[in-house]
Structure formats: C-alpha cells, structure tokens
Amino acid sequence: MAIEYLKKVVDIKPDDAEAWIELAEYLEGVNLHESMNGKENVLFFSSSFYKFPVTAYQKSLKLLEDTADAVIPPDLVNNIGALHHKLNKFAEASSFYKRAADACDQLIEGGASAVRWKKEKKKKDYIVF
C-alpha cells in the first residue's frame, strides 16, 4: 500500500528529489524484508529488482544536480554505487563510490573552511585598539 502512495507522490511531483529518494529507500527496504523472510520466488528478491530503486535514486540525483546550490548527499551517491554493485555493474559502482568519497571530502573541506572562518572572525572580535 505504501508503494502506491509513493508512486502517486512522484507522479504528482516528478521534480521532488526527496520523493524519489523515499521511493528508492522504500523499494530497497521491501527487497531486504522479502529476502530476509526467505521469499526467494518473489520479484523483489531477484537482482533485476534493484533496477527500480537505482532508477529512482538516479532520478533524484539528476534533479539535485540540476538545482543551483544543491548539496549532493554522499550517501545518495553511495547508495547508487551499492545498487550497481548488486547488479554486477562494477565499473559503474566504482564510479559512484569515487563520487561519494569526493562528495565526503568536499563536505569535510567545507566544514573545515567554515570553522577556520569562524575562528578568524572571533580573533578579530577580540582585538581592541
């Protein structure tokens, strides 16, 4: 039932990156739940099922990339890599894993820059002439 609601949301708001991420995460969760319960004959257990969440994740990534000043979450890119890995598309997986690592580095650098800026600002605030 939840999947129908999520599909309706992305049908109504196809430019909503968060909705696509929610749909992909739900589809991954269904796959995990079904495989843990030993339901090997269901569609969700087959590796071809991973094509659905990877498509949803890639749609959300494209929407974020097309948005000015959007921050690409490293975990989103990593999830796409993990799904490509499960589909035995190792070159694509490697590419997305590298992008995820680069995105993490950028977040760390950005955070470090913000800390340095705040530190310098505080130094200036305490200088008395």
Protein backbone atom coordinates (compact mmCIF):
# COMPACT_ATOMS: atom_id res chain seq x y z
CA MET A 1 0.00 0.00 0.00
CA ALA A 2 2.81 2.43 0.84
CA ILE A 3 4.40 1.91 -2.55
CA GLU A 4 1.21 3.08 -4.27
CA TYR A 5 1.25 6.29 -2.24
CA LEU A 6 4.90 6.94 -3.00
CA LYS A 7 4.29 6.33 -6.70
CA LYS A 8 1.41 8.81 -6.58
CA VAL A 9 3.66 11.39 -4.95
CA VAL A 10 6.32 11.12 -7.66
CA ASP A 11 3.59 11.18 -10.32
CA ILE A 12 2.15 14.38 -8.84
CA LYS A 13 5.53 15.96 -8.06
CA PRO A 14 8.06 14.46 -10.50
CA ASP A 15 10.59 17.20 -9.71
CA ASP A 16 10.70 16.39 -5.99
CA ALA A 17 14.10 14.79 -5.36
CA GLU A 18 13.17 13.83 -1.79
CA ALA A 19 10.11 11.93 -3.02
CA TRP A 20 12.29 9.92 -5.41
CA ILE A 21 14.73 9.17 -2.59
CA GLU A 22 11.88 8.00 -0.35
CA LEU A 23 10.57 5.73 -3.11
CA ALA A 24 14.04 4.23 -3.70
CA GLU A 25 14.61 3.67 0.03
CA TYR A 26 11.22 2.02 0.38
CA LEU A 27 11.89 -0.25 -2.60
CA GLU A 28 15.24 -1.27 -1.09
CA GLY A 29 13.55 -1.99 2.24
CA VAL A 30 10.93 -4.19 0.61
CA ASN A 31 13.69 -6.13 -1.09
CA LEU A 32 15.57 -6.62 2.18
CA HIS A 33 12.43 -7.63 4.08
CA GLU A 34 11.38 -10.17 1.46
CA SER A 35 14.82 -11.72 1.17
CA MET A 36 15.19 -11.98 4.97
CA ASN A 37 11.88 -13.84 5.15
CA GLY A 38 13.05 -16.41 2.63
CA LYS A 39 10.63 -15.43 -0.10
CA GLU A 40 13.03 -16.25 -2.89
CA ASN A 41 10.36 -16.59 -5.55
CA VAL A 42 9.12 -13.01 -5.38
CA LEU A 43 10.15 -10.33 -7.85
CA PHE A 44 11.80 -8.32 -5.08
CA PHE A 45 14.42 -10.97 -4.43
CA SER A 46 15.80 -11.09 -7.95
CA SER A 47 18.77 -8.89 -8.76
CA SER A 48 16.78 -7.30 -11.56
CA PHE A 49 14.60 -5.70 -8.90
CA TYR A 50 17.50 -3.41 -7.97
CA LYS A 51 16.93 -1.61 -11.26
CA PHE A 52 13.84 0.07 -9.80
CA PRO A 53 15.50 1.72 -6.78
CA VAL A 54 18.64 2.63 -8.74
CA THR A 55 16.46 4.39 -11.32
CA ALA A 56 14.66 6.30 -8.57
CA TYR A 57 17.95 7.27 -6.88
CA GLN A 58 19.43 8.40 -10.20
CA LYS A 59 16.33 10.50 -10.91
CA SER A 60 16.77 12.24 -7.54
CA LEU A 61 20.49 12.74 -8.20
CA LYS A 62 19.75 14.32 -11.59
CA LEU A 63 17.16 16.64 -10.02
CA LEU A 64 19.67 17.73 -7.36
CA GLU A 65 22.45 18.22 -9.92
CA ASP A 66 20.13 20.46 -11.95
CA THR A 67 19.33 22.59 -8.90
CA ALA A 68 21.57 25.59 -8.26
CA ASP A 69 23.46 25.43 -4.96
CA ALA A 70 22.15 21.95 -4.16
CA VAL A 71 24.36 19.82 -1.95
CA ILE A 72 24.61 16.27 -3.25
CA PRO A 73 24.41 13.93 -0.24
CA PRO A 74 27.31 11.45 -0.33
CA ASP A 75 25.05 8.68 0.94
CA LEU A 76 22.76 9.12 -2.08
CA VAL A 77 25.68 8.63 -4.48
CA ASN A 78 26.99 5.74 -2.37
CA ASN A 79 23.57 4.02 -2.46
CA ILE A 80 23.57 4.23 -6.25
CA GLY A 81 27.02 2.65 -6.26
CA ALA A 82 25.89 -0.13 -3.93
CA LEU A 83 22.91 -0.94 -6.15
CA HIS A 84 25.11 -1.03 -9.26
CA HIS A 85 27.39 -3.38 -7.32
CA LYS A 86 24.41 -5.67 -6.60
CA LEU A 87 23.60 -5.61 -10.31
CA ASN A 88 27.20 -6.72 -11.05
CA LYS A 89 27.91 -3.42 -12.81
CA PHE A 90 31.25 -2.96 -11.14
CA ALA A 91 32.63 -0.15 -13.29
CA GLU A 92 29.51 1.97 -12.63
CA ALA A 93 29.63 1.05 -8.94
CA SER A 94 33.26 2.12 -8.70
CA SER A 95 32.47 5.43 -10.40
CA PHE A 96 29.67 6.21 -7.94
CA TYR A 97 31.77 5.12 -4.94
CA LYS A 98 34.50 7.53 -6.05
CA ARG A 99 31.94 10.33 -6.44
CA ALA A 100 30.64 9.58 -2.94
CA ALA A 101 34.16 9.76 -1.49
CA ASP A 102 34.79 13.04 -3.32
CA ALA A 103 31.49 14.43 -2.00
CA CYS A 104 32.55 13.48 1.54
CA ASP A 105 35.88 15.24 1.05
CA GLN A 106 34.07 18.37 -0.16
CA LEU A 107 31.79 18.35 2.87
CA ILE A 108 34.78 17.96 5.18
CA GLU A 109 36.65 20.77 3.42
CA GLY A 110 33.57 22.98 3.53
CA GLY A 111 33.12 22.32 7.21
CA ALA A 112 36.79 22.98 7.90
CA SER A 113 36.60 26.24 5.97
CA ALA A 114 33.58 27.35 7.99
CA VAL A 115 35.40 26.55 11.24
CA ARG A 116 38.51 28.50 10.11
CA TRP A 117 36.32 31.47 9.10
CA LYS A 118 34.54 31.49 12.46
CA LYS A 119 37.86 31.21 14.29
CA GLU A 120 39.34 34.17 12.35
CA LYS A 121 36.18 36.21 12.94
CA LYS A 122 36.37 35.57 16.66
CA LYS A 123 40.04 36.66 16.70
CA LYS A 124 39.07 39.93 15.04
CA ASP A 125 36.23 40.45 17.50
CA TYR A 126 38.68 40.29 20.41
CA ILE A 127 41.25 42.70 19.02
CA VAL A 128 40.98 46.01 20.85
CA PHE A 129 42.72 49.15 19.63
